[in-house]
């Protein structure tokens, strides 16, 4: 039964994690750093692959929005489904998830603050980089 539940969870996690991550990135309180922290905690060394996929999805969304706003400024109220054109790396659900010991009282805010202080920034700037308030080295 546990294996069936894990398979079902992996299926939905794969489908919705990128959408939830995009939402968290667009939240001015969290932006990209929080998603990087979370996926580093979950996927370890493979986190950068997942984060890059999410950034590519956001860039596709921004490009599509820019094209639509230029050609159809009067009909911006219509929404479009990004997931139809955005590939999701299906191999990510097969990664081993790092286990966090939750037997003790766990406060992720301290870990997140530590992650922020350890992470480096980069220097070439796109509109997303400007939004994130970061530079590429």
C-alpha atoms as a PDB file:
ATOM      1  CA  UNK A   1       0.000   0.000   0.000  1.00  0.00           C
ATOM      2  CA  UNK A   2       2.854   2.377   0.793  1.00  0.00           C
ATOM      3  CA  UNK A   3       4.345   1.804  -2.659  1.00  0.00           C
ATOM      4  CA  UNK A   4       1.012   2.650  -4.309  1.00  0.00           C
ATOM      5  CA  UNK A   5       0.769   5.841  -2.283  1.00  0.00           C
ATOM      6  CA  UNK A   6       4.362   6.770  -3.177  1.00  0.00           C
ATOM      7  CA  UNK A   7       3.674   6.203  -6.897  1.00  0.00           C
ATOM      8  CA  UNK A   8       0.568   8.371  -6.728  1.00  0.00           C
ATOM      9  CA  UNK A   9       2.428  11.082  -4.816  1.00  0.00           C
ATOM     10  CA  UNK A  10       5.298  11.038  -7.343  1.00  0.00           C
ATOM     11  CA  UNK A  11       2.816  11.371 -10.205  1.00  0.00           C
ATOM     12  CA  UNK A  12       1.132  14.430  -8.714  1.00  0.00           C
ATOM     13  CA  UNK A  13       4.375  15.923  -7.408  1.00  0.00           C
ATOM     14  CA  UNK A  14       5.863  15.757 -10.893  1.00  0.00           C
ATOM     15  CA  UNK A  15       2.802  17.443 -12.368  1.00  0.00           C
ATOM     16  CA  UNK A  16       2.285  20.191  -9.807  1.00  0.00           C
ATOM     17  CA  UNK A  17       5.690  20.946  -8.305  1.00  0.00           C
ATOM     18  CA  UNK A  18       6.719  23.132 -11.239  1.00  0.00           C
ATOM     19  CA  UNK A  19       3.459  25.093 -11.059  1.00  0.00           C
ATOM     20  CA  UNK A  20       3.775  25.556  -7.310  1.00  0.00           C
ATOM     21  CA  UNK A  21       7.417  26.545  -7.711  1.00  0.00           C
ATOM     22  CA  UNK A  22       6.530  29.194 -10.296  1.00  0.00           C
ATOM     23  CA  UNK A  23       3.957  30.570  -7.878  1.00  0.00           C
ATOM     24  CA  UNK A  24       6.515  30.715  -5.060  1.00  0.00           C
ATOM     25  CA  UNK A  25       9.078  32.382  -7.336  1.00  0.00           C
ATOM     26  CA  UNK A  26       6.602  35.083  -8.320  1.00  0.00           C
ATOM     27  CA  UNK A  27       5.816  35.746  -4.645  1.00  0.00           C
ATOM     28  CA  UNK A  28       7.910  38.815  -3.753  1.00  0.00           C
ATOM     29  CA  UNK A  29       8.664  37.411  -0.287  1.00  0.00           C
ATOM     30  CA  UNK A  30      10.326  34.234  -1.579  1.00  0.00           C
ATOM     31  CA  UNK A  31      11.387  34.674  -5.206  1.00  0.00           C
ATOM     32  CA  UNK A  32      13.899  32.158  -6.545  1.00  0.00           C
ATOM     33  CA  UNK A  33      16.011  31.676  -3.420  1.00  0.00           C
ATOM     34  CA  UNK A  34      13.320  29.827  -1.507  1.00  0.00           C
ATOM     35  CA  UNK A  35      12.650  27.398  -4.353  1.00  0.00           C
ATOM     36  CA  UNK A  36      16.392  26.763  -4.695  1.00  0.00           C
ATOM     37  CA  UNK A  37      16.589  26.096  -0.972  1.00  0.00           C
ATOM     38  CA  UNK A  38      13.606  23.709  -1.000  1.00  0.00           C
ATOM     39  CA  UNK A  39      14.788  21.694  -3.974  1.00  0.00           C
ATOM     40  CA  UNK A  40      18.330  21.543  -2.626  1.00  0.00           C
ATOM     41  CA  UNK A  41      16.837  20.082   0.538  1.00  0.00           C
ATOM     42  CA  UNK A  42      14.709  17.594  -1.441  1.00  0.00           C
ATOM     43  CA  UNK A  43      16.926  16.642  -4.396  1.00  0.00           C
ATOM     44  CA  UNK A  44      20.415  17.462  -3.151  1.00  0.00           C
ATOM     45  CA  UNK A  45      22.895  17.744  -6.028  1.00  0.00           C
ATOM     46  CA  UNK A  46      20.155  17.312  -8.646  1.00  0.00           C
ATOM     47  CA  UNK A  47      18.275  20.419  -7.494  1.00  0.00           C
ATOM     48  CA  UNK A  48      19.921  22.701 -10.048  1.00  0.00           C
ATOM     49  CA  UNK A  49      18.433  20.643 -12.908  1.00  0.00           C
ATOM     50  CA  UNK A  50      14.948  21.088 -11.530  1.00  0.00           C
ATOM     51  CA  UNK A  51      15.420  24.792 -10.785  1.00  0.00           C
ATOM     52  CA  UNK A  52      16.769  25.364 -14.302  1.00  0.00           C
ATOM     53  CA  UNK A  53      13.678  23.654 -15.760  1.00  0.00           C
ATOM     54  CA  UNK A  54      11.461  25.975 -13.724  1.00  0.00           C
ATOM     55  CA  UNK A  55      13.433  29.043 -14.847  1.00  0.00           C
ATOM     56  CA  UNK A  56      13.117  27.921 -18.465  1.00  0.00           C
ATOM     57  CA  UNK A  57       9.359  27.573 -17.945  1.00  0.00           C
ATOM     58  CA  UNK A  58       9.157  31.093 -16.524  1.00  0.00           C
ATOM     59  CA  UNK A  59      11.188  32.492 -19.422  1.00  0.00           C
ATOM     60  CA  UNK A  60       8.845  30.766 -21.886  1.00  0.00           C
ATOM     61  CA  UNK A  61       5.896  32.248 -20.015  1.00  0.00           C
ATOM     62  CA  UNK A  62       7.438  35.724 -20.084  1.00  0.00           C
ATOM     63  CA  UNK A  63       8.234  35.440 -23.808  1.00  0.00           C
ATOM     64  CA  UNK A  64       4.739  34.216 -24.595  1.00  0.00           C
ATOM     65  CA  UNK A  65       3.214  37.001 -22.523  1.00  0.00           C
ATOM     66  CA  UNK A  66       5.377  39.588 -24.271  1.00  0.00           C
ATOM     67  CA  UNK A  67       4.359  38.338 -27.719  1.00  0.00           C
ATOM     68  CA  UNK A  68       0.699  38.199 -26.751  1.00  0.00           C
ATOM     69  CA  UNK A  69       0.726  41.665 -25.206  1.00  0.00           C
ATOM     70  CA  UNK A  70       2.225  43.199 -28.343  1.00  0.00           C
ATOM     71  CA  UNK A  71      -0.150  41.537 -30.782  1.00  0.00           C
ATOM     72  CA  UNK A  72      -3.310  41.393 -28.698  1.00  0.00           C
ATOM     73  CA  UNK A  73      -3.228  44.237 -26.193  1.00  0.00           C
ATOM     74  CA  UNK A  74      -7.008  44.497 -26.119  1.00  0.00           C
ATOM     75  CA  UNK A  75      -7.481  40.844 -25.187  1.00  0.00           C
ATOM     76  CA  UNK A  76      -5.000  40.431 -22.337  1.00  0.00           C
ATOM     77  CA  UNK A  77      -7.832  39.405 -20.046  1.00  0.00           C
ATOM     78  CA  UNK A  78      -7.836  35.996 -21.709  1.00  0.00           C
ATOM     79  CA  UNK A  79      -5.644  33.506 -19.944  1.00  0.00           C
ATOM     80  CA  UNK A  80      -3.532  30.813 -21.556  1.00  0.00           C
ATOM     81  CA  UNK A  81      -2.324  27.455 -20.319  1.00  0.00           C
ATOM     82  CA  UNK A  82       1.465  27.429 -20.072  1.00  0.00           C
ATOM     83  CA  UNK A  83       1.673  23.725 -19.304  1.00  0.00           C
ATOM     84  CA  UNK A  84       0.734  22.836 -22.896  1.00  0.00           C
ATOM     85  CA  UNK A  85       4.022  24.245 -24.202  1.00  0.00           C
ATOM     86  CA  UNK A  86       6.338  23.751 -21.254  1.00  0.00           C
ATOM     87  CA  UNK A  87       8.240  20.485 -20.977  1.00  0.00           C
ATOM     88  CA  UNK A  88       8.711  18.979 -17.540  1.00  0.00           C
ATOM     89  CA  UNK A  89      11.711  16.783 -16.925  1.00  0.00           C
ATOM     90  CA  UNK A  90      10.032  13.477 -16.093  1.00  0.00           C
ATOM     91  CA  UNK A  91      13.260  11.897 -14.869  1.00  0.00           C
ATOM     92  CA  UNK A  92      13.280  14.113 -11.780  1.00  0.00           C
ATOM     93  CA  UNK A  93      10.631  12.058  -9.990  1.00  0.00           C
ATOM     94  CA  UNK A  94      12.983   9.077 -10.028  1.00  0.00           C
ATOM     95  CA  UNK A  95      15.607  10.820  -7.908  1.00  0.00           C
ATOM     96  CA  UNK A  96      16.172   9.709  -4.351  1.00  0.00           C
ATOM     97  CA  UNK A  97      14.769  12.267  -1.977  1.00  0.00           C
ATOM     98  CA  UNK A  98      16.974  13.408   0.891  1.00  0.00           C
ATOM     99  CA  UNK A  99      15.444  12.451   4.199  1.00  0.00           C
ATOM    100  CA  UNK A 100      14.977  15.143   6.804  1.00  0.00           C
ATOM    101  CA  UNK A 101      14.805  13.963  10.407  1.00  0.00           C
ATOM    102  CA  UNK A 102      11.548  15.440  11.651  1.00  0.00           C
ATOM    103  CA  UNK A 103      11.705  13.579  14.962  1.00  0.00           C
ATOM    104  CA  UNK A 104      12.859  16.791  16.592  1.00  0.00           C
ATOM    105  CA  UNK A 105      11.231  20.187  16.405  1.00  0.00           C
ATOM    106  CA  UNK A 106      12.067  21.412  12.903  1.00  0.00           C
ATOM    107  CA  UNK A 107      12.246  25.070  11.940  1.00  0.00           C
ATOM    108  CA  UNK A 108      13.088  25.515   8.285  1.00  0.00           C
ATOM    109  CA  UNK A 109      13.443  29.286   8.569  1.00  0.00           C
ATOM    110  CA  UNK A 110      16.877  28.930  10.197  1.00  0.00           C
ATOM    111  CA  UNK A 111      17.988  26.512   7.483  1.00  0.00           C
ATOM    112  CA  UNK A 112      16.655  28.867   4.822  1.00  0.00           C
ATOM    113  CA  UNK A 113      18.508  31.843   6.307  1.00  0.00           C
ATOM    114  CA  UNK A 114      21.700  29.770   6.386  1.00  0.00           C
ATOM    115  CA  UNK A 115      21.103  28.748   2.766  1.00  0.00           C
ATOM    116  CA  UNK A 116      20.687  32.405   1.752  1.00  0.00           C
ATOM    117  CA  UNK A 117      23.929  33.391   3.423  1.00  0.00           C
ATOM    118  CA  UNK A 118      25.817  30.527   1.725  1.00  0.00           C
ATOM    119  CA  UNK A 119      24.386  30.962  -1.770  1.00  0.00           C
ATOM    120  CA  UNK A 120      26.215  33.019  -4.354  1.00  0.00           C
ATOM    121  CA  UNK A 121      24.764  35.436  -6.885  1.00  0.00           C
ATOM    122  CA  UNK A 122      25.418  35.749 -10.642  1.00  0.00           C
ATOM    123  CA  UNK A 123      25.902  38.679 -13.083  1.00  0.00           C
ATOM    124  CA  UNK A 124      24.122  38.749 -16.509  1.00  0.00           C
ATOM    125  CA  UNK A 125      20.633  40.144 -15.933  1.00  0.00           C
ATOM    126  CA  UNK A 126      17.363  39.332 -17.637  1.00  0.00           C
ATOM    127  CA  UNK A 127      13.952  40.691 -16.669  1.00  0.00           C
ATOM    128  CA  UNK A 128      13.522  37.684 -14.396  1.00  0.00           C
ATOM    129  CA  UNK A 129      16.931  38.344 -12.845  1.00  0.00           C
ATOM    130  CA  UNK A 130      15.940  41.945 -12.213  1.00  0.00           C
ATOM    131  CA  UNK A 131      12.702  40.759 -10.570  1.00  0.00           C
ATOM    132  CA  UNK A 132      14.637  38.307  -8.428  1.00  0.00           C
ATOM    133  CA  UNK A 133      17.003  41.128  -7.473  1.00  0.00           C
ATOM    134  CA  UNK A 134      20.064  39.102  -8.322  1.00  0.00           C
ATOM    135  CA  UNK A 135      23.083  39.300 -10.602  1.00  0.00           C
ATOM    136  CA  UNK A 136      24.946  36.531 -12.445  1.00  0.00           C
ATOM    137  CA  UNK A 137      28.697  36.054 -11.945  1.00  0.00           C
END
